[in-house]
């Protein structure tokens, strides 16, 4: 399984599309086998969900995300976790052990209004 976490430094980004980049975790069973960071390749409508699908991601974790991005991920068969916060590795460990719960909420109105839809 491959998990991507929208990241700002070592923390989960509160805004998916405007994160510094993505920390990718390769999971086997209940163990993190490897991780690597790639800078955000750019924020434009519909691009990031397809980019992450092409990277083989099975799950995306973020603090906040727009409804259009959530819908695209779900269409691609990628699990979406929103409302996460804290250290990216600790959050992934919680996901793997089944204790990380998504808020299921989409960004609609906040300081990036109009930019969450991708």
Protein backbone atom coordinates (compact mmCIF):
# COMPACT_ATOMS: atom_id res chain seq x y z
CA UNK A 1 0.00 0.00 0.00
CA UNK A 2 1.20 3.51 -0.76
CA UNK A 3 0.04 6.44 1.37
CA UNK A 4 0.64 10.10 0.49
CA UNK A 5 0.44 12.81 3.14
CA UNK A 6 0.07 16.48 2.17
CA UNK A 7 3.00 17.89 4.13
CA UNK A 8 4.42 21.16 5.36
CA UNK A 9 7.78 20.19 6.77
CA UNK A 10 7.22 17.16 9.00
CA UNK A 11 3.61 18.07 9.74
CA UNK A 12 0.36 17.35 7.92
CA UNK A 13 -0.60 20.35 5.81
CA UNK A 14 -3.87 22.00 6.66
CA UNK A 15 -4.47 22.72 2.96
CA UNK A 16 -3.97 19.93 0.43
CA UNK A 17 -3.48 22.00 -2.73
CA UNK A 18 -1.08 24.49 -1.18
CA UNK A 19 1.13 22.06 0.76
CA UNK A 20 4.93 22.18 0.43
CA UNK A 21 4.85 18.65 -0.92
CA UNK A 22 3.85 15.06 -0.33
CA UNK A 23 5.46 12.51 1.94
CA UNK A 24 4.99 9.05 0.47
CA UNK A 25 4.98 5.96 2.68
CA UNK A 26 5.25 2.39 1.41
CA UNK A 27 3.40 0.08 3.80
CA UNK A 28 3.67 -3.70 4.04
CA UNK A 29 1.26 -5.29 6.49
CA UNK A 30 1.32 -2.92 9.45
CA UNK A 31 4.87 -1.67 8.90
CA UNK A 32 6.29 1.43 7.23
CA UNK A 33 8.92 0.08 4.81
CA UNK A 34 10.07 3.38 3.33
CA UNK A 35 9.21 7.03 2.96
CA UNK A 36 10.22 9.87 0.69
CA UNK A 37 9.22 13.48 0.09
CA UNK A 38 8.44 15.12 -3.25
CA UNK A 39 7.75 18.85 -3.62
CA UNK A 40 4.26 19.90 -4.68
CA UNK A 41 4.41 20.01 -8.50
CA UNK A 42 1.82 22.78 -8.67
CA UNK A 43 -1.74 23.65 -7.78
CA UNK A 44 -4.20 23.64 -10.68
CA UNK A 45 -7.69 22.18 -11.08
CA UNK A 46 -7.77 18.40 -11.17
CA UNK A 47 -4.00 17.95 -11.49
CA UNK A 48 -2.93 16.74 -8.04
CA UNK A 49 -5.42 13.85 -7.74
CA UNK A 50 -4.30 12.50 -11.11
CA UNK A 51 -0.62 13.10 -10.25
CA UNK A 52 -0.97 11.10 -7.04
CA UNK A 53 -2.97 8.36 -8.80
CA UNK A 54 -0.12 8.05 -11.31
CA UNK A 55 2.31 7.68 -8.38
CA UNK A 56 0.35 4.60 -7.27
CA UNK A 57 -1.19 6.17 -4.16
CA UNK A 58 -3.89 4.13 -2.39
CA UNK A 59 -4.65 6.71 0.33
CA UNK A 60 -4.25 10.48 0.65
CA UNK A 61 -4.13 12.15 4.06
CA UNK A 62 -4.52 15.90 4.58
CA UNK A 63 -5.76 18.45 7.04
CA UNK A 64 -8.17 20.04 4.58
CA UNK A 65 -9.20 19.41 1.00
CA UNK A 66 -11.82 20.73 -1.41
CA UNK A 67 -14.81 18.66 -2.44
CA UNK A 68 -13.74 18.43 -6.10
CA UNK A 69 -10.39 16.89 -5.13
CA UNK A 70 -12.12 14.49 -2.72
CA UNK A 71 -14.53 13.41 -5.46
CA UNK A 72 -11.70 12.87 -7.96
CA UNK A 73 -9.73 10.75 -5.49
CA UNK A 74 -12.80 8.66 -4.72
CA UNK A 75 -13.43 8.19 -8.45
CA UNK A 76 -9.85 6.92 -8.77
CA UNK A 77 -10.45 4.46 -5.92
CA UNK A 78 -8.15 6.33 -3.53
CA UNK A 79 -9.10 6.49 0.15
CA UNK A 80 -9.34 10.10 1.43
CA UNK A 81 -8.63 11.10 5.03
CA UNK A 82 -9.27 14.74 5.97
CA UNK A 83 -9.00 16.48 9.31
CA UNK A 84 -5.60 14.95 10.12
CA UNK A 85 -3.01 16.96 12.02
CA UNK A 86 0.41 16.52 13.57
CA UNK A 87 3.58 14.69 12.58
CA UNK A 88 3.21 12.89 9.23
CA UNK A 89 4.80 9.62 10.37
CA UNK A 90 2.69 9.47 13.54
CA UNK A 91 -0.45 10.12 11.48
CA UNK A 92 0.43 7.30 9.08
CA UNK A 93 1.04 4.94 12.02
CA UNK A 94 -2.44 5.80 13.29
CA UNK A 95 -3.91 5.12 9.84
CA UNK A 96 -2.13 1.75 9.63
CA UNK A 97 -3.30 0.67 13.09
CA UNK A 98 -6.87 1.79 12.32
CA UNK A 99 -7.12 4.62 14.84
CA UNK A 100 -7.02 7.58 12.40
CA UNK A 101 -10.56 8.68 11.58
CA UNK A 102 -11.39 11.05 8.74
CA UNK A 103 -13.63 14.00 9.51
CA UNK A 104 -14.99 13.57 5.98
CA UNK A 105 -15.36 17.33 5.71
CA UNK A 106 -14.41 19.36 2.66
CA UNK A 107 -13.02 22.89 2.65
CA UNK A 108 -15.67 25.26 1.41
CA UNK A 109 -15.14 28.61 3.11
CA UNK A 110 -11.83 29.77 4.57
CA UNK A 111 -8.81 31.91 3.71
CA UNK A 112 -8.25 29.97 0.46
CA UNK A 113 -11.87 30.22 -0.66
CA UNK A 114 -12.16 29.42 -4.33
CA UNK A 115 -8.89 27.46 -4.33
CA UNK A 116 -9.99 24.27 -2.56
CA UNK A 117 -11.89 22.83 -5.45
CA UNK A 118 -8.86 21.09 -6.89
